[in-house]
Amino acid sequence: MTVSFLQILKAFRQSSGGLPQSLELAEEKVPYSLTPQKVLICIHDVSLNYREVAMMNGELCSGD
């Protein structure tokens, strides 16, 4: 059986400035240095809600 893996992934990263304007789409190499205890999970869709944006802006503590 042949398994095909992604070589490049797309990720949103926060640059300087306020949200949502500071989110930038970036392309990165997939980290393949996995040990037997780790897995690589592909996520196709996600959403940001107001709480996550507030946490990134420092307006809401993370609960730690």
N, C-alpha and C. Protein backbone atom coordinates (compact mmCIF):
# COMPACT_ATOMS: atom_id res chain seq x y z
N MET A 1 0.84 -1.18 0.00
CA MET A 1 0.00 0.00 0.00
C MET A 1 0.89 1.25 0.00
N THR A 2 0.57 2.20 -0.86
CA THR A 2 1.31 3.45 -0.95
C THR A 2 0.50 4.56 -0.29
N VAL A 3 1.15 5.34 0.56
CA VAL A 3 0.49 6.45 1.24
C VAL A 3 1.10 7.74 0.73
N SER A 4 0.25 8.67 0.31
CA SER A 4 0.71 9.96 -0.18
C SER A 4 0.51 11.01 0.91
N PHE A 5 1.54 11.78 1.20
CA PHE A 5 1.47 12.81 2.23
C PHE A 5 1.58 14.19 1.61
N LEU A 6 0.99 15.15 2.27
CA LEU A 6 1.11 16.54 1.86
C LEU A 6 2.56 17.01 2.04
N GLN A 7 3.02 17.85 1.16
CA GLN A 7 4.36 18.42 1.28
C GLN A 7 4.30 19.85 1.84
N ILE A 8 3.25 20.58 1.49
CA ILE A 8 3.08 21.98 1.91
C ILE A 8 1.71 22.11 2.56
N LEU A 9 1.64 22.86 3.65
CA LEU A 9 0.35 23.14 4.28
C LEU A 9 0.13 24.64 4.29
N LYS A 10 -1.13 25.03 4.39
CA LYS A 10 -1.49 26.44 4.50
C LYS A 10 -1.98 26.69 5.91
N ALA A 11 -1.51 27.77 6.51
CA ALA A 11 -1.88 28.09 7.88
C ALA A 11 -2.04 29.59 8.03
N PHE A 12 -2.99 30.00 8.85
CA PHE A 12 -3.13 31.41 9.18
C PHE A 12 -2.25 31.71 10.38
N ARG A 13 -1.45 32.73 10.27
CA ARG A 13 -0.56 33.17 11.34
C ARG A 13 -0.90 34.61 11.68
N GLN A 14 -0.75 34.96 12.97
CA GLN A 14 -1.01 36.33 13.39
C GLN A 14 0.26 37.15 13.28
N SER A 15 0.20 38.23 12.51
CA SER A 15 1.32 39.16 12.43
C SER A 15 1.05 40.28 13.44
N SER A 16 1.81 41.34 13.39
CA SER A 16 1.59 42.44 14.32
C SER A 16 0.32 43.19 13.96
N GLY A 17 -0.29 43.79 14.96
CA GLY A 17 -1.51 44.55 14.73
C GLY A 17 -2.72 43.84 15.31
N GLY A 18 -3.86 44.45 15.12
CA GLY A 18 -5.09 43.90 15.68
C GLY A 18 -5.75 42.90 14.75
N LEU A 19 -6.59 42.09 15.35
CA LEU A 19 -7.34 41.10 14.57
C LEU A 19 -8.58 41.74 14.00
N PRO A 20 -9.18 41.26 12.97
CA PRO A 20 -8.74 40.14 12.14
C PRO A 20 -7.75 40.55 11.06
N GLN A 21 -7.40 41.83 10.98
CA GLN A 21 -6.52 42.31 9.91
C GLN A 21 -5.12 41.70 9.99
N SER A 22 -4.70 41.27 11.17
CA SER A 22 -3.34 40.76 11.33
C SER A 22 -3.19 39.28 10.97
N LEU A 23 -4.28 38.60 10.61
CA LEU A 23 -4.17 37.21 10.20
C LEU A 23 -3.71 37.14 8.75
N GLU A 24 -2.65 36.38 8.52
CA GLU A 24 -2.10 36.24 7.18
C GLU A 24 -2.00 34.76 6.83
N LEU A 25 -2.36 34.43 5.60
CA LEU A 25 -2.25 33.06 5.12
C LEU A 25 -0.81 32.78 4.72
N ALA A 26 -0.24 31.72 5.26
CA ALA A 26 1.15 31.37 4.98
C ALA A 26 1.24 29.92 4.52
N GLU A 27 2.21 29.63 3.67
CA GLU A 27 2.49 28.26 3.25
C GLU A 27 3.74 27.79 3.98
N GLU A 28 3.67 26.58 4.53
CA GLU A 28 4.78 26.03 5.30
C GLU A 28 5.01 24.58 4.92
N LYS A 29 6.23 24.12 5.13
CA LYS A 29 6.53 22.70 4.90
C LYS A 29 5.90 21.88 6.03
N VAL A 30 5.38 20.73 5.69
CA VAL A 30 4.79 19.84 6.68
C VAL A 30 5.92 19.23 7.52
N PRO A 31 5.79 19.28 8.87
CA PRO A 31 6.83 18.70 9.72
C PRO A 31 6.71 17.17 9.74
N TYR A 32 7.68 16.49 9.15
CA TYR A 32 7.60 15.03 9.09
C TYR A 32 8.50 14.33 10.10
N SER A 33 9.01 15.04 11.06
CA SER A 33 9.86 14.41 12.07
C SER A 33 8.98 13.82 13.18
N LEU A 34 8.17 12.85 12.81
CA LEU A 34 7.24 12.24 13.76
C LEU A 34 7.87 11.01 14.41
N THR A 35 7.70 10.91 15.70
CA THR A 35 8.12 9.72 16.43
C THR A 35 6.96 8.73 16.45
N PRO A 36 7.17 7.50 16.86
CA PRO A 36 6.07 6.53 16.90
C PRO A 36 4.91 6.95 17.82
N GLN A 37 5.15 7.88 18.74
CA GLN A 37 4.10 8.33 19.66
C GLN A 37 3.32 9.53 19.13
N LYS A 38 3.65 10.04 17.95
CA LYS A 38 2.99 11.23 17.40
C LYS A 38 2.22 10.90 16.14
N VAL A 39 1.21 11.71 15.86
CA VAL A 39 0.42 11.56 14.63
C VAL A 39 0.32 12.91 13.94
N LEU A 40 0.11 12.89 12.64
CA LEU A 40 -0.12 14.09 11.85
C LEU A 40 -1.58 14.08 11.44
N ILE A 41 -2.32 15.11 11.81
CA ILE A 41 -3.76 15.19 11.54
C ILE A 41 -4.00 16.30 10.53
N CYS A 42 -4.73 16.01 9.47
CA CYS A 42 -5.09 17.01 8.46
C CYS A 42 -6.47 17.56 8.80
N ILE A 43 -6.56 18.87 8.96
CA ILE A 43 -7.82 19.55 9.25
C ILE A 43 -8.16 20.39 8.03
N HIS A 44 -9.37 20.20 7.52
CA HIS A 44 -9.75 20.89 6.29
C HIS A 44 -10.46 22.22 6.53
N ASP A 45 -11.26 22.32 7.57
CA ASP A 45 -12.02 23.55 7.83
C ASP A 45 -12.06 23.84 9.33
N VAL A 46 -11.93 25.11 9.67
CA VAL A 46 -12.08 25.58 11.04
C VAL A 46 -12.75 26.94 11.01
N SER A 47 -13.16 27.41 12.17
CA SER A 47 -13.71 28.76 12.25
C SER A 47 -13.19 29.44 13.51
N LEU A 48 -13.10 30.75 13.46
CA LEU A 48 -12.76 31.55 14.64
C LEU A 48 -14.04 32.15 15.18
N ASN A 49 -14.24 32.04 16.48
CA ASN A 49 -15.39 32.71 17.06
C ASN A 49 -14.91 33.93 17.86
N TYR A 50 -15.83 34.68 18.38
CA TYR A 50 -15.48 35.94 19.04
C TYR A 50 -14.58 35.73 20.24
N ARG A 51 -14.71 34.60 20.96
CA ARG A 51 -13.87 34.36 22.13
C ARG A 51 -12.40 34.17 21.74
N GLU A 52 -12.16 33.45 20.65
CA GLU A 52 -10.79 33.24 20.21
C GLU A 52 -10.15 34.54 19.76
N VAL A 53 -10.91 35.37 19.08
CA VAL A 53 -10.39 36.68 18.66
C VAL A 53 -10.13 37.55 19.89
N ALA A 54 -11.01 37.52 20.89
CA ALA A 54 -10.82 38.29 22.12
C ALA A 54 -9.57 37.82 22.87
N MET A 55 -9.33 36.50 22.91
CA MET A 55 -8.12 35.97 23.56
C MET A 55 -6.86 36.45 22.85
N MET A 56 -6.87 36.43 21.52
CA MET A 56 -5.70 36.87 20.76
C MET A 56 -5.45 38.36 20.92
N ASN A 57 -6.50 39.13 21.19
CA ASN A 57 -6.36 40.57 21.42
C ASN A 57 -6.05 40.89 22.87
N GLY A 58 -5.97 39.86 23.75
CA GLY A 58 -5.68 40.08 25.16
C GLY A 58 -6.86 40.61 25.95
N GLU A 59 -8.06 40.47 25.42
CA GLU A 59 -9.26 40.97 26.08
C GLU A 59 -9.93 39.92 26.95
N LEU A 60 -9.48 38.68 26.87
CA LEU A 60 -10.09 37.57 27.60
C LEU A 60 -8.98 36.63 28.01
N CYS A 61 -8.94 36.24 29.28
CA CYS A 61 -7.87 35.33 29.70
C CYS A 61 -8.18 33.92 29.22
N SER A 62 -7.14 33.12 29.05
CA SER A 62 -7.30 31.77 28.50
C SER A 62 -7.74 30.76 29.53
N GLY A 63 -7.78 31.12 30.80
CA GLY A 63 -8.21 30.20 31.85
C GLY A 63 -7.06 29.45 32.50
N ASP A 64 -5.84 29.79 32.16
CA ASP A 64 -4.67 29.13 32.76
C ASP A 64 -4.40 29.65 34.14
